[in-house]
Amino acid sequence: MGNNSSNKILITGVVAIVLGCFIAYLPAIKAGFIWDDDIYVTANPLLTAPDGLYRIWLTADSPSQYFPLTYTTFLIEHKLWGFNPAGYHAVNVGIHIINALLIWAILRRLNIPGAWFASAVFALHPVQVESVAWVTERKNVLMLLFSLLSILCWIESVAADKFGSGNSKNRKKNHLYICSILFCALALFSKATACTLPIALILILWFKGIPFTIRRLEQIIPYIAMGIGIAILVMWWEKHHQGTGFVDLGLTPADKLIIAGRALWFYLAKVFWPVNLTFSYPRWQIDTDSIAQYARPAGFCLLIICAWLLRKRLGRGLLAGLLFFSGMLFPMLGFFPLYTFVYSFVADHYQYMSAIGPIAIVSAGCAYLYRRVGYNQKTILLSAAGVLLFTLGVLTYRQCRIYTDKQTLWEDTLNKNRDSWLAQSQLADISFRQGKLEQARSYLERTIELASYLRTIHPRAYSDFYSNLAAIDQKQGRLEDAAGNYLKSLEIFENFALTHYRLAEIFVKLGRPEEAKAHLRRAIEIAEIKKADNLAEELRSRLESLGDAAGPK
């Protein structure tokens, strides 16, 4: 009788999470593709190439970082439903639901009170929408899926080691340990930020009061080795393939400390008060000469110290949760160069995994309070919990709607962050494609004003804005203005063959062939240096057509 009742409660809990999450994310399933989805999916040649699977795993042809398992899921889905966005969105939502259920299973296994409530809050929390409703962030939900499976197998392996003996117990323990390592590898192949997983495994040992012996260290070493290996690969990839090699953020150690402290409090605030969630947040002004800016990192350190001092009175859960939160966020706090820091130091999808920490802390506190109050107070707490979950679901439903398409996304971003040059530039591109040239010009001029700091840290990106202005001028027949804007673009970043070529074509139309030839020659030089042989050959042909066969060979 007791087992039947327990099973019914379990089934009811699963159904509630699945159904509630599905309803909350319905707008996401109906949404289209947005920013970067073309790079990852719709314009990704690896998804349609006959040797795509080989190139995904064993070459440097991937259009972004090294996410082979993530790209493999996209390749499989393309074979199933082509480029229908509903399929990709539905898979993201499905993985997110599984992640919520796995969180419930892990917290129950660790005997943390309020496990179901924590998993429900995670499932319905609007800060997670960016990871789930954005197809590109498949890497995030997939990484968490395999990270949670690795953690669950680790917990079971440790339990078998602690309480079991005999050949069958040893075999079970070894199988679980191997499975945990394999799931860790799959998480790393989904997204490199799974390199923080050893922190979670060590925290579990400490939380359960299991001594961290030499043997435990030996068990952790494979996770650490894999994490370091993939982290080194990704940092190399970011520099040479994704663009950080063109970026000099110019952040000092003091800058990074201030950014990290501010980011930690920012993410905590978004967990507890998820309003004005924005696709691109304002980029903070960092002033290392201001003592006040050191208050946030100092404050978070003080919070950790207090949790340590109170661990005997409050238990280890508070400190473990805070360390999990900060540990999972560590790669995104600014100590390592991230390309996204060009436009913002924070993003909602960065805390998809780390948010589990504070959510579990509060859920456990609520469960503890629930057990200590009378019947009437229990009714009030249950009602409050229901209202909270409903509110989170409504907020998630509303947040999903901004991911309907690119224009909706960037207009919402601009409404919430008026100084977002990223939103301005993206809306300029959308307006240009719609033929709204004056509107596109207005967005671009504002972009150039807001993003002036890029001239120092990322001149290549800043030069593109003037090239885009030139394209508008050219479309409107304002060739002299177009030539002027192309020249401004080259003044900022000269080492770009296509800009030289486009300027040369303008000079041809303006009847200035010698200037056109000079820029074509320079374009050929750049193409040859970059080993863009096909482009160099096309440029030589164009130079010869102007009566000059003396270009570089």
Protein backbone atom coordinates (compact mmCIF):
# COMPACT_ATOMS: atom_id res chain seq x y z
CA MET A 1 0.00 0.00 0.00
CA GLY A 2 2.79 2.37 0.93
CA ASN A 3 4.67 1.60 -2.29
CA ASN A 4 1.58 2.26 -4.41
CA SER A 5 1.04 5.60 -2.71
CA SER A 6 4.71 6.50 -3.19
CA ASN A 7 4.55 5.54 -6.87
CA LYS A 8 1.44 7.64 -7.40
CA ILE A 9 3.15 10.66 -5.84
CA LEU A 10 6.20 10.05 -8.02
CA ILE A 11 4.13 9.77 -11.20
CA THR A 12 2.12 12.86 -10.27
CA GLY A 13 5.34 14.82 -9.74
CA VAL A 14 6.75 13.75 -13.11
CA VAL A 15 3.52 14.55 -14.96
CA ALA A 16 3.28 17.97 -13.30
CA ILE A 17 6.80 18.94 -14.37
CA VAL A 18 6.43 17.56 -17.90
CA LEU A 19 3.02 19.13 -18.52
CA GLY A 20 3.83 22.46 -16.86
CA CYS A 21 7.12 22.82 -18.72
CA PHE A 22 5.56 21.85 -22.06
CA ILE A 23 2.81 24.47 -21.70
CA ALA A 24 5.26 27.17 -20.57
CA TYR A 25 7.51 26.54 -23.58
CA LEU A 26 4.78 26.24 -26.24
CA PRO A 27 5.69 29.63 -27.79
CA ALA A 28 9.29 28.44 -28.12
CA ILE A 29 8.26 25.30 -30.00
CA LYS A 30 6.33 27.50 -32.46
CA ALA A 31 9.22 29.96 -32.87
CA GLY A 32 11.59 30.29 -35.80
CA PHE A 33 15.35 30.56 -36.07
CA ILE A 34 17.15 33.59 -34.63
CA TRP A 35 20.67 34.97 -34.24
CA ASP A 36 23.53 32.49 -34.87
CA ASP A 37 21.06 29.73 -35.76
CA ASP A 38 22.16 30.16 -39.36
CA ILE A 39 25.79 29.49 -38.38
CA TYR A 40 24.89 26.44 -36.31
CA VAL A 41 22.03 25.03 -38.40
CA THR A 42 20.47 26.60 -41.48
CA ALA A 43 23.70 27.72 -43.21
CA ASN A 44 25.98 25.09 -41.69
CA PRO A 45 27.51 23.15 -44.63
CA LEU A 46 28.51 20.29 -42.35
CA LEU A 47 24.87 19.27 -41.90
CA THR A 48 24.41 18.60 -45.60
CA ALA A 49 27.91 17.51 -46.66
CA PRO A 50 28.40 13.77 -47.40
CA ASP A 51 31.41 13.75 -45.08
CA GLY A 52 29.77 16.04 -42.54
CA LEU A 53 30.05 13.67 -39.56
CA TYR A 54 33.76 13.14 -40.15
CA ARG A 55 34.40 16.88 -40.49
CA ILE A 56 32.39 17.66 -37.37
CA TRP A 57 34.49 15.37 -35.19
CA LEU A 58 37.93 15.24 -36.80
CA THR A 59 38.57 18.57 -38.54
CA ALA A 60 38.58 22.27 -37.69
CA ASP A 61 35.73 22.95 -40.15
CA SER A 62 33.07 23.57 -37.48
CA PRO A 63 31.74 27.13 -37.84
CA SER A 64 31.97 27.92 -34.13
CA GLN A 65 33.78 26.22 -31.24
CA TYR A 66 34.47 22.50 -30.97
CA PHE A 67 30.98 21.18 -30.12
CA PRO A 68 31.00 17.87 -32.05
CA LEU A 69 28.16 16.17 -30.19
CA THR A 70 25.94 19.26 -30.47
CA TYR A 71 26.55 19.48 -34.21
CA THR A 72 25.93 15.74 -34.52
CA THR A 73 22.45 16.15 -33.03
CA PHE A 74 21.76 18.92 -35.56
CA LEU A 75 22.98 16.69 -38.39
CA ILE A 76 20.64 13.86 -37.31
CA GLU A 77 17.71 16.24 -36.97
CA HIS A 78 18.36 17.72 -40.41
CA LYS A 79 17.98 14.23 -41.86
CA LEU A 80 14.71 13.81 -39.93
CA TRP A 81 12.92 17.14 -40.53
CA GLY A 82 15.21 19.32 -42.60
CA PHE A 83 15.27 22.94 -41.49
CA ASN A 84 11.87 22.97 -39.83
CA PRO A 85 12.56 24.96 -36.63
CA ALA A 86 9.76 23.25 -34.67
CA GLY A 87 11.73 20.00 -34.50
CA TYR A 88 14.88 21.65 -33.15
CA HIS A 89 12.90 23.65 -30.59
CA ALA A 90 10.94 20.59 -29.46
CA VAL A 91 14.16 18.64 -28.85
CA ASN A 92 15.55 21.51 -26.76
CA VAL A 93 12.40 21.60 -24.66
CA GLY A 94 12.42 17.81 -24.28
CA ILE A 95 16.03 17.79 -23.06
CA HIS A 96 15.24 20.63 -20.64
CA ILE A 97 12.37 18.59 -19.16
CA ILE A 98 14.66 15.57 -18.75
CA ASN A 99 17.23 17.81 -17.07
CA ALA A 100 14.63 18.99 -14.56
CA LEU A 101 13.67 15.40 -13.75
CA LEU A 102 17.33 14.42 -13.35
CA ILE A 103 17.83 17.32 -10.92
CA TRP A 104 14.94 15.94 -8.89
CA ALA A 105 16.51 12.46 -8.91
CA ILE A 106 19.95 13.78 -7.86
CA LEU A 107 18.64 15.98 -5.05
CA ARG A 108 16.51 13.11 -3.73
CA ARG A 109 19.53 10.80 -3.86
CA LEU A 110 21.49 13.36 -1.84
CA ASN A 111 18.58 13.57 0.65
CA ILE A 112 18.18 17.31 0.04
CA PRO A 113 14.72 18.48 1.17
CA GLY A 114 12.42 20.12 -1.36
CA ALA A 115 13.93 18.19 -4.28
CA TRP A 116 10.73 18.18 -6.39
CA PHE A 117 10.10 21.88 -5.79
CA ALA A 118 13.68 22.71 -6.81
CA SER A 119 13.33 20.76 -10.05
CA ALA A 120 9.98 22.42 -10.79
CA VAL A 121 11.44 25.89 -10.20
CA PHE A 122 14.37 25.02 -12.48
CA ALA A 123 11.99 23.76 -15.18
CA LEU A 124 9.77 26.84 -15.11
CA HIS A 125 12.28 29.59 -14.29
CA PRO A 126 12.33 32.28 -17.02
CA VAL A 127 16.10 32.82 -16.75
CA GLN A 128 16.45 29.42 -18.45
CA VAL A 129 14.46 30.48 -21.52
CA GLU A 130 17.53 31.77 -23.36
CA SER A 131 19.11 28.30 -23.17
CA VAL A 132 15.96 26.43 -24.17
CA ALA A 133 14.21 28.68 -26.72
CA TRP A 134 17.42 29.47 -28.64
CA VAL A 135 18.32 26.57 -30.95
CA THR A 136 22.00 27.57 -30.88
CA GLU A 137 22.05 26.87 -27.14
CA ARG A 138 21.41 23.17 -27.75
CA LYS A 139 25.00 22.91 -26.51
CA ASN A 140 23.87 24.19 -23.11
CA VAL A 141 20.92 21.85 -22.51
CA LEU A 142 22.83 18.89 -23.94
CA MET A 143 25.89 19.62 -21.79
CA LEU A 144 23.73 19.74 -18.66
CA LEU A 145 21.98 16.49 -19.61
CA PHE A 146 25.22 14.51 -19.72
CA SER A 147 26.69 16.39 -16.75
CA LEU A 148 23.69 15.38 -14.61
CA LEU A 149 23.92 11.77 -15.80
CA SER A 150 27.62 11.80 -14.92
CA ILE A 151 26.85 13.21 -11.47
CA LEU A 152 24.10 10.65 -10.86
CA CYS A 153 26.39 7.75 -11.80
CA TRP A 154 29.12 9.23 -9.59
CA ILE A 155 26.76 9.38 -6.62
CA GLU A 156 25.69 5.76 -7.15
CA SER A 157 29.31 4.67 -7.61
CA VAL A 158 30.34 6.36 -4.35
CA ALA A 159 27.35 4.79 -2.56
CA ALA A 160 28.24 1.33 -3.88
CA ASP A 161 31.84 1.87 -2.79
CA LYS A 162 30.80 3.02 0.68
CA PHE A 163 28.16 0.44 1.53
CA GLY A 164 28.91 -2.50 -0.72
CA SER A 165 31.42 -5.33 -0.79
CA GLY A 166 31.95 -8.47 -2.80
CA ASN A 167 32.54 -9.09 -6.51
CA SER A 168 29.04 -8.11 -7.66
CA LYS A 169 29.18 -4.84 -5.72
CA ASN A 170 32.63 -4.07 -7.11
CA ARG A 171 31.47 -4.72 -10.65
CA LYS A 172 28.48 -2.43 -10.16
CA LYS A 173 30.69 0.27 -8.67
CA ASN A 174 33.18 0.03 -11.56
CA HIS A 175 30.45 0.07 -14.20
CA LEU A 176 28.86 3.16 -12.65
CA TYR A 177 32.23 4.90 -12.44
CA ILE A 178 33.01 4.15 -16.09
CA CYS A 179 29.55 5.38 -17.09
CA SER A 180 30.14 8.57 -15.15
CA ILE A 181 33.41 9.20 -17.01
CA LEU A 182 31.77 8.47 -20.38
CA PHE A 183 28.90 10.86 -19.64
CA CYS A 184 31.45 13.50 -18.61
CA ALA A 185 33.17 13.08 -22.00
CA LEU A 186 29.83 13.47 -23.79
CA ALA A 187 29.13 16.62 -21.78
CA LEU A 188 32.52 18.06 -22.81
CA PHE A 189 31.82 17.19 -26.46
CA SER A 190 28.53 19.08 -26.10
CA LYS A 191 30.09 22.21 -24.56
CA ALA A 192 33.49 22.81 -23.00
CA THR A 193 32.11 24.48 -19.86
CA ALA A 194 31.47 20.97 -18.56
CA CYS A 195 35.15 21.18 -17.54
CA THR A 196 33.83 22.45 -14.18
CA LEU A 197 32.19 19.07 -13.47
CA PRO A 198 35.00 17.87 -11.12
CA ILE A 199 34.08 20.75 -8.80
CA ALA A 200 30.56 19.32 -8.49
CA LEU A 201 31.86 15.81 -7.83
CA ILE A 202 34.22 16.99 -5.08
CA LEU A 203 31.44 19.09 -3.50
CA ILE A 204 29.21 16.00 -3.36
CA LEU A 205 31.89 14.12 -1.42
CA TRP A 206 32.30 17.02 1.02
CA PHE A 207 28.54 17.55 1.36
CA LYS A 208 28.02 13.87 2.25
CA GLY A 209 30.94 13.89 4.67
CA ILE A 210 32.99 11.39 2.64
CA PRO A 211 36.75 11.85 3.20
CA PHE A 212 38.69 13.08 0.18
CA THR A 213 41.41 10.45 0.18
CA ILE A 214 44.21 9.72 -2.29
CA ARG A 215 41.96 7.08 -3.80
CA ARG A 216 39.21 9.65 -4.34
CA LEU A 217 41.73 11.98 -5.94
CA GLU A 218 42.77 9.22 -8.33
CA GLN A 219 39.11 8.74 -9.25
CA ILE A 220 38.69 12.47 -9.96
CA ILE A 221 41.87 12.82 -12.07
CA PRO A 222 40.32 11.49 -15.34
CA TYR A 223 37.58 14.14 -15.12
CA ILE A 224 40.14 16.88 -14.46
CA ALA A 225 42.40 15.68 -17.29
CA MET A 226 39.55 15.63 -19.80
CA GLY A 227 38.36 19.04 -18.65
CA ILE A 228 41.81 20.63 -18.94
CA GLY A 229 42.33 19.05 -22.34
CA ILE A 230 39.08 20.33 -23.82
CA ALA A 231 39.57 23.75 -22.18
CA ILE A 232 42.99 24.15 -23.85
CA LEU A 233 41.52 23.07 -27.19
CA VAL A 234 38.65 25.56 -26.90
CA MET A 235 40.90 28.47 -25.91
CA TRP A 236 43.06 27.74 -28.95
CA TRP A 237 39.92 27.43 -31.08
CA GLU A 238 38.49 30.70 -29.78
CA LYS A 239 41.70 32.53 -30.62
CA HIS A 240 42.38 31.10 -34.08
CA HIS A 241 38.92 30.21 -35.39
CA GLN A 242 36.23 32.19 -33.58
CA GLY A 243 37.71 35.65 -33.42
CA THR A 244 39.27 36.34 -30.03
CA GLY A 245 42.58 36.54 -31.89
CA PHE A 246 41.26 39.77 -33.44
CA VAL A 247 40.07 41.07 -30.07
CA ASP A 248 42.08 42.78 -27.37
CA LEU A 249 39.70 43.30 -24.46
CA GLY A 250 42.47 45.00 -22.52
CA LEU A 251 41.23 43.68 -19.18
CA THR A 252 43.65 43.88 -16.28
CA PRO A 253 43.53 41.43 -13.35
CA ALA A 254 41.72 44.11 -11.33
CA ASP A 255 39.17 44.54 -14.14
CA LYS A 256 38.53 40.80 -14.19
CA LEU A 257 38.08 40.67 -10.42
CA ILE A 258 35.51 43.48 -10.52
CA ILE A 259 33.65 41.88 -13.44
CA ALA A 260 33.58 38.49 -11.70
CA GLY A 261 32.23 39.94 -8.44
CA ARG A 262 29.58 41.97 -10.21
CA ALA A 263 28.59 39.02 -12.40
CA LEU A 264 28.08 36.69 -9.43
CA TRP A 265 25.66 39.10 -7.76
CA PHE A 266 24.00 39.82 -11.12
CA TYR A 267 23.26 36.14 -11.70
CA LEU A 268 22.01 35.63 -8.14
CA ALA A 269 19.69 38.62 -8.56
CA LYS A 270 18.25 37.19 -11.78
CA VAL A 271 17.51 33.88 -10.05
CA PHE A 272 15.58 35.56 -7.24
CA TRP A 273 14.06 38.44 -9.20
CA PRO A 274 13.81 37.47 -12.89
CA VAL A 275 12.56 40.73 -14.40
CA ASN A 276 13.80 42.63 -17.45
CA LEU A 277 15.52 39.53 -18.77
CA THR A 278 17.34 40.69 -21.87
CA PHE A 279 19.08 38.92 -24.72
CA SER A 280 21.98 41.38 -24.53
CA TYR A 281 22.59 43.28 -21.28
CA PRO A 282 24.39 46.64 -21.00
CA ARG A 283 28.17 46.38 -20.99
CA TRP A 284 29.40 47.64 -17.63
CA GLN A 285 31.87 50.47 -17.25
CA ILE A 286 34.76 49.19 -15.14
CA ASP A 287 36.70 51.68 -13.01
CA THR A 288 39.54 50.08 -11.06
CA ASP A 289 40.22 53.39 -9.30
CA SER A 290 36.80 53.29 -7.63
CA ILE A 291 36.92 51.53 -4.27
CA ALA A 292 33.13 50.98 -4.47
CA GLN A 293 33.57 48.63 -7.45
CA TYR A 294 35.50 46.18 -5.26
CA ALA A 295 32.53 45.88 -2.88
CA ARG A 296 30.82 43.17 -4.93
CA PRO A 297 33.72 40.68 -5.11
CA ALA A 298 34.49 41.39 -1.46
CA GLY A 299 30.83 40.92 -0.56
CA PHE A 300 30.61 37.54 -2.28
CA CYS A 301 33.79 36.37 -0.56
CA LEU A 302 32.25 37.47 2.75
CA LEU A 303 29.12 35.48 1.93
CA ILE A 304 31.22 32.35 1.36
CA ILE A 305 33.12 32.93 4.62
CA CYS A 306 29.85 33.31 6.57
CA ALA A 307 28.49 30.10 5.04
CA TRP A 308 31.69 28.34 6.12
CA LEU A 309 31.51 29.68 9.66
CA LEU A 310 27.83 28.70 9.98
CA ARG A 311 28.21 25.24 8.44
CA LYS A 312 27.90 23.44 11.78
CA ARG A 313 24.78 25.35 12.71
CA LEU A 314 23.07 25.47 9.31
CA GLY A 315 24.61 22.40 7.74
CA ARG A 316 26.86 22.10 4.72
CA GLY A 317 24.10 22.69 2.17
CA LEU A 318 24.34 26.50 2.07
CA LEU A 319 28.08 26.53 1.44
CA ALA A 320 27.90 23.62 -1.03
CA GLY A 321 25.16 25.39 -2.99
CA LEU A 322 27.08 28.68 -3.15
CA LEU A 323 30.31 26.95 -4.16
CA PHE A 324 28.43 24.97 -6.83
CA PHE A 325 26.89 28.21 -8.12
CA SER A 326 30.20 30.08 -8.34
CA GLY A 327 32.18 27.03 -9.49
CA MET A 328 29.90 26.26 -12.43
CA LEU A 329 30.02 29.94 -13.44
CA PHE A 330 33.80 30.24 -13.14
CA PRO A 331 34.66 29.91 -16.88
CA MET A 332 32.15 32.70 -17.71
CA LEU A 333 33.18 35.19 -15.04
CA GLY A 334 35.85 36.95 -17.09
CA PHE A 335 39.06 35.29 -15.99
CA PHE A 336 39.31 33.74 -19.47
CA PRO A 337 38.72 35.68 -22.72
CA LEU A 338 35.22 35.27 -24.16
CA TYR A 339 34.23 36.80 -27.47
CA THR A 340 30.83 37.78 -26.05
CA PHE A 341 32.58 40.23 -23.71
CA VAL A 342 32.86 42.51 -26.73
CA TYR A 343 29.20 43.48 -26.21
CA SER A 344 28.29 42.30 -22.68
CA PHE A 345 29.91 40.70 -19.65
CA VAL A 346 26.85 38.60 -18.74
CA ALA A 347 24.19 36.47 -20.43
CA ASP A 348 21.27 34.46 -19.09
CA HIS A 349 22.39 31.23 -20.74
CA TYR A 350 25.67 31.32 -18.82
CA GLN A 351 23.89 30.31 -15.61
CA TYR A 352 21.78 27.45 -16.97
CA MET A 353 23.66 24.95 -14.79
CA SER A 354 24.84 27.16 -11.94
CA ALA A 355 21.30 28.33 -11.08
CA ILE A 356 20.66 24.86 -9.62
CA GLY A 357 22.74 25.87 -6.57
CA PRO A 358 20.69 28.81 -5.23
CA ILE A 359 17.43 27.17 -6.32
CA ALA A 360 18.27 24.06 -4.28
CA ILE A 361 19.29 26.17 -1.26
CA VAL A 362 16.00 28.07 -1.15
CA SER A 363 13.91 24.95 -1.88
CA ALA A 364 15.60 23.08 0.97
CA GLY A 365 14.98 26.04 3.29
CA CYS A 366 11.30 26.12 2.34
CA ALA A 367 10.98 22.37 2.89
CA TYR A 368 12.66 22.69 6.31
CA LEU A 369 10.26 25.49 7.25
CA TYR A 370 7.28 23.46 5.99
CA ARG A 371 8.15 20.59 8.33
CA ARG A 372 8.32 22.83 11.38
CA VAL A 373 5.03 24.74 11.08
CA GLY A 374 1.45 23.81 11.89
CA TYR A 375 -1.33 22.71 9.53
CA ASN A 376 -2.63 26.20 8.74
CA GLN A 377 0.85 27.50 8.00
CA LYS A 378 1.51 24.43 5.81
CA THR A 379 -1.56 25.33 3.73
CA ILE A 380 -0.28 28.88 3.30
CA LEU A 381 3.19 27.67 2.28
CA LEU A 382 1.75 25.19 -0.23
CA SER A 383 -0.45 27.90 -1.72
CA ALA A 384 2.51 30.28 -1.94
CA ALA A 385 4.57 27.58 -3.66
CA GLY A 386 1.80 26.97 -6.16
CA VAL A 387 1.46 30.69 -6.88
CA LEU A 388 5.23 30.99 -7.34
CA LEU A 389 5.37 28.09 -9.81
CA PHE A 390 2.40 29.47 -11.73
CA THR A 391 4.01 32.92 -11.85
CA LEU A 392 7.31 31.49 -13.08
CA GLY A 393 5.45 29.53 -15.75
CA VAL A 394 3.65 32.66 -16.96
CA LEU A 395 6.91 34.63 -17.03
CA THR A 396 8.57 31.83 -19.00
CA TYR A 397 5.67 31.71 -21.46
CA ARG A 398 5.97 35.48 -22.01
CA GLN A 399 9.76 35.34 -22.28
CA CYS A 400 9.55 32.61 -24.93
CA ARG A 401 7.52 34.90 -27.18
CA ILE A 402 10.47 37.26 -27.76
CA TYR A 403 12.25 34.37 -29.53
CA THR A 404 9.60 34.23 -32.27
CA ASP A 405 11.98 35.62 -34.91
CA LYS A 406 15.06 37.83 -35.27
CA GLN A 407 13.18 41.11 -35.51
CA THR A 408 11.06 40.44 -32.42
CA LEU A 409 14.15 39.42 -30.47
CA TRP A 410 16.21 42.49 -31.32
CA GLU A 411 13.34 44.94 -30.91
CA ASP A 412 12.72 43.53 -27.43
CA THR A 413 16.44 43.81 -26.67
CA LEU A 414 16.50 47.44 -27.79
CA ASN A 415 13.41 48.25 -25.70
CA LYS A 416 15.16 46.93 -22.60
CA ASN A 417 18.70 48.07 -23.44
CA ARG A 418 18.58 51.29 -25.47
CA ASP A 419 22.38 51.42 -25.67
CA SER A 420 22.78 47.98 -27.21
CA TRP A 421 24.86 48.53 -30.34
CA LEU A 422 24.47 44.82 -31.04
CA ALA A 423 20.68 45.20 -31.30
CA GLN A 424 21.09 48.38 -33.37
CA SER A 425 23.42 46.66 -35.84
CA GLN A 426 21.20 43.58 -36.16
CA LEU A 427 18.11 45.71 -36.76
CA ALA A 428 20.11 47.65 -39.37
CA ASP A 429 20.78 44.39 -41.20
CA ILE A 430 17.11 43.37 -41.01
CA SER A 431 15.97 46.79 -42.26
CA PHE A 432 18.48 46.65 -45.14
CA ARG A 433 17.17 43.25 -46.25
CA GLN A 434 13.62 44.63 -46.09
CA GLY A 435 14.62 47.55 -48.32
CA LYS A 436 14.15 50.13 -45.55
CA LEU A 437 17.42 51.87 -46.30
CA GLU A 438 16.96 55.08 -44.32
CA GLN A 439 15.90 53.12 -41.26
CA ALA A 440 18.94 50.88 -41.71
CA ARG A 441 21.15 53.97 -41.97
CA SER A 442 19.70 55.38 -38.74
CA TYR A 443 20.38 52.13 -36.87
CA LEU A 444 23.94 51.96 -38.23
CA GLU A 445 24.78 55.55 -37.37
CA ARG A 446 23.62 54.89 -33.81
CA THR A 447 25.65 51.66 -33.80
CA ILE A 448 28.81 53.54 -34.77
CA GLU A 449 28.19 56.04 -31.98
CA LEU A 450 27.54 53.42 -29.28
CA ALA A 451 30.29 50.99 -30.30
CA SER A 452 33.14 53.50 -30.59
CA TYR A 453 35.15 51.53 -28.00
CA LEU A 454 35.39 48.68 -30.54
CA ARG A 455 37.82 50.79 -32.55
CA THR A 456 40.38 49.90 -29.88
CA ILE A 457 39.43 46.37 -28.79
CA HIS A 458 37.93 44.96 -32.02
CA PRO A 459 38.73 47.20 -35.03
CA ARG A 460 37.70 44.52 -37.52
CA ALA A 461 34.12 44.49 -36.25
CA TYR A 462 33.97 48.29 -36.00
CA SER A 463 35.18 48.69 -39.59
CA ASP A 464 32.29 46.52 -40.78
CA PHE A 465 29.78 49.15 -39.69
CA TYR A 466 31.27 51.67 -42.12
CA SER A 467 31.30 49.02 -44.85
CA ASN A 468 27.61 48.43 -44.20
CA LEU A 469 26.96 52.16 -44.43
CA ALA A 470 28.79 52.14 -47.75
CA ALA A 471 26.53 49.33 -48.97
CA ILE A 472 23.49 51.50 -48.18
CA ASP A 473 25.07 54.47 -50.00
CA GLN A 474 25.77 52.25 -52.98
CA LYS A 475 22.20 50.97 -53.01
CA GLN A 476 20.97 54.56 -53.06
CA GLY A 477 23.38 55.58 -55.84
CA ARG A 478 25.49 57.79 -53.57
CA LEU A 479 28.83 56.52 -54.87
CA GLU A 480 31.05 59.30 -53.48
CA ASP A 481 29.60 58.70 -50.00
CA ALA A 482 30.04 54.95 -50.45
CA ALA A 483 33.72 55.45 -51.36
CA GLY A 484 34.17 57.67 -48.30
CA ASN A 485 32.70 55.09 -45.95
CA TYR A 486 34.77 52.28 -47.45
CA LEU A 487 37.88 54.41 -46.94
CA LYS A 488 36.86 54.97 -43.29
CA SER A 489 36.44 51.23 -42.91
CA LEU A 490 39.95 50.61 -44.28
CA GLU A 491 41.38 53.33 -42.07
CA ILE A 492 40.15 51.35 -39.05
CA PHE A 493 41.00 47.85 -40.34
CA GLU A 494 43.01 47.79 -43.53
CA ASN A 495 43.72 44.08 -43.77
CA PHE A 496 40.43 43.01 -45.38
CA ALA A 497 40.50 41.99 -49.05
CA LEU A 498 36.76 42.24 -49.75
CA THR A 499 36.57 45.85 -48.57
CA HIS A 500 39.42 46.77 -50.95
CA TYR A 501 37.61 44.95 -53.76
CA ARG A 502 34.28 46.68 -53.10
CA LEU A 503 35.99 50.07 -52.96
CA ALA A 504 37.76 49.28 -56.24
CA GLU A 505 34.40 48.61 -57.91
CA ILE A 506 33.10 51.97 -56.65
CA PHE A 507 36.17 53.72 -58.08
CA VAL A 508 35.57 52.00 -61.44
CA LYS A 509 32.03 53.40 -61.53
CA LEU A 510 33.34 56.84 -60.54
CA GLY A 511 35.81 56.77 -63.45
CA ARG A 512 38.92 56.52 -61.24
CA PRO A 513 40.61 53.39 -62.64
CA GLU A 514 44.07 53.93 -61.15
CA GLU A 515 42.69 54.06 -57.62
CA ALA A 516 40.61 50.98 -58.40
CA LYS A 517 43.72 49.10 -59.58
CA ALA A 518 45.66 50.09 -56.45
CA HIS A 519 42.97 48.63 -54.19
CA LEU A 520 42.67 45.49 -56.29
CA ARG A 521 46.42 44.94 -56.01
CA ARG A 522 46.23 45.32 -52.25
CA ALA A 523 43.26 42.94 -52.11
CA ILE A 524 45.29 40.33 -54.02
CA GLU A 525 48.19 40.70 -51.59
CA ILE A 526 45.91 40.14 -48.60
CA ALA A 527 44.19 37.15 -50.23
CA GLU A 528 47.54 35.53 -50.99
CA ILE A 529 48.81 36.07 -47.44
CA LYS A 530 45.66 34.44 -46.10
CA LYS A 531 45.98 31.65 -48.68
CA ALA A 532 42.55 32.45 -50.15
CA ASP A 533 43.63 31.16 -53.56
CA ASN A 534 40.22 31.21 -55.25
CA LEU A 535 39.58 34.80 -54.18
CA ALA A 536 43.07 35.86 -55.28
CA GLU A 537 42.50 34.35 -58.72
CA GLU A 538 39.16 36.14 -59.12
CA LEU A 539 40.77 39.43 -58.11
CA ARG A 540 43.59 38.96 -60.63
CA SER A 541 41.03 38.36 -63.37
CA ARG A 542 39.23 41.54 -62.40
CA LEU A 543 42.52 43.50 -62.41
CA GLU A 544 43.38 42.17 -65.86
CA SER A 545 39.96 43.24 -67.13
CA LEU A 546 40.93 46.80 -66.20
CA GLY A 547 44.01 46.56 -68.41
CA ASP A 548 46.54 45.69 -65.72
CA ALA A 549 48.11 42.24 -65.72
CA ALA A 550 50.84 43.17 -63.27
CA GLY A 551 49.11 42.00 -60.09
CA PRO A 552 51.01 39.76 -57.65
CA LYS A 553 51.35 36.16 -58.70
